[in-house]
Structures are given as C-alpha cells and as structure tokens.
Amino acid sequence: MSKKIGLHIGGRRFDVDVEEKFAKFLEEQMEKDFNIEGNNDLKVLLQAYVRRNHELYIQNQKIDKILEKMEL
C-alpha cells in the first residue's frame, strides 16, 4: 500500500507516492528539513539535499571503518 506525501517548493506542490512503512519515517525527516505547512524556496531544498548527503557521507565512512576492522 502507498501513501502520498506533498511538499510546496517554489510555489508549486509536489506529491510523491511512497510505501506506507517508509512514509512515517520520510514525513519525520521532511519536518526537520522543510516548512511542511507552507512554501519552501529552492535554497531550502538545496540545503536539505546537501545536509542529507553529508549524513550519508559520514555514515559511509563509519561503515568503511567497521568493514576494515572486520577484515583484520
């Protein structure tokens, strides 16, 4: 089953369909990055994108360190 999640960016509404299990997590994360009730400009979108990719970068570094330890 899917759920529709919407966000206003640059005066336009964008809706995405995601799995219901993932929807709650995504909504919580989007509330941290965006104004859920109002409009978000493109700068906010770019900042959120960079922030999330930095988190992925740090996570990948930690995974690589764990894998290196396991190879010893």
Protein backbone atom coordinates (compact mmCIF):
# COMPACT_ATOMS: atom_id res chain seq x y z
CA MET A 1 0.00 0.00 0.00
CA SER A 2 1.28 3.50 -0.75
CA LYS A 3 0.82 6.93 0.76
CA LYS A 4 1.03 10.30 -0.95
CA ILE A 5 3.28 12.92 0.64
CA GLY A 6 3.28 16.50 -0.59
CA LEU A 7 5.59 19.48 -0.33
CA HIS A 8 5.45 23.03 -1.70
CA ILE A 9 8.64 24.17 -3.40
CA GLY A 10 8.95 27.41 -5.32
CA GLY A 11 5.20 27.97 -5.16
CA ARG A 12 4.38 24.57 -6.66
CA ARG A 13 3.11 21.46 -4.91
CA PHE A 14 4.94 18.22 -5.48
CA ASP A 15 3.46 14.90 -4.43
CA VAL A 16 5.26 11.58 -4.20
CA ASP A 17 3.86 8.12 -3.56
CA VAL A 18 5.87 6.05 -1.12
CA GLU A 19 5.35 2.78 0.69
CA GLU A 20 3.29 3.22 3.82
CA LYS A 21 6.02 1.77 6.04
CA PHE A 22 8.50 4.33 4.70
CA ALA A 23 6.03 7.24 4.76
CA LYS A 24 6.15 7.85 8.51
CA PHE A 25 9.96 7.97 8.51
CA LEU A 26 10.01 10.27 5.47
CA GLU A 27 7.45 12.63 6.99
CA GLU A 28 9.50 12.92 10.17
CA GLN A 29 12.65 13.66 8.20
CA MET A 30 10.92 16.19 5.96
CA GLU A 31 9.62 18.04 9.01
CA LYS A 32 13.25 18.55 10.06
CA ASP A 33 14.24 20.00 6.68
CA PHE A 34 11.19 21.81 5.33
CA ASN A 35 8.24 24.01 6.19
CA ILE A 36 5.58 21.34 5.81
CA GLU A 37 2.67 23.77 6.09
CA GLY A 38 3.98 26.44 3.72
CA ASN A 39 6.21 27.14 0.78
CA ASN A 40 9.92 26.33 0.56
CA ASP A 41 12.27 28.10 -1.80
CA LEU A 42 14.89 26.31 -3.88
CA LYS A 43 17.67 27.33 -1.48
CA VAL A 44 15.97 25.35 1.32
CA LEU A 45 15.73 22.33 -0.98
CA LEU A 46 19.41 22.56 -1.89
CA GLN A 47 20.44 22.93 1.76
CA ALA A 48 18.42 19.85 2.72
CA TYR A 49 19.95 17.89 -0.15
CA VAL A 50 23.50 18.82 0.87
CA ARG A 51 22.79 18.12 4.55
CA ARG A 52 21.39 14.65 3.83
CA ASN A 53 24.27 13.79 1.52
CA HIS A 54 26.73 14.85 4.22
CA GLU A 55 24.97 12.48 6.61
CA LEU A 56 25.32 9.68 4.04
CA TYR A 57 29.00 10.52 3.60
CA ILE A 58 29.62 10.25 7.37
CA GLN A 59 27.60 7.03 7.51
CA ASN A 60 29.64 5.52 4.67
CA GLN A 61 32.87 6.44 6.43
CA LYS A 62 31.68 4.66 9.57
CA ILE A 63 30.67 1.59 7.56
CA ASP A 64 34.08 1.52 5.86
CA LYS A 65 35.83 1.66 9.26
CA ILE A 66 33.73 -1.22 10.55
CA LEU A 67 34.48 -3.27 7.44
CA GLU A 68 38.20 -2.58 7.79
CA LYS A 69 38.09 -3.83 11.39
CA MET A 70 36.26 -6.97 10.30
CA GLU A 71 38.93 -7.75 7.70
CA LEU A 72 41.67 -7.80 10.34
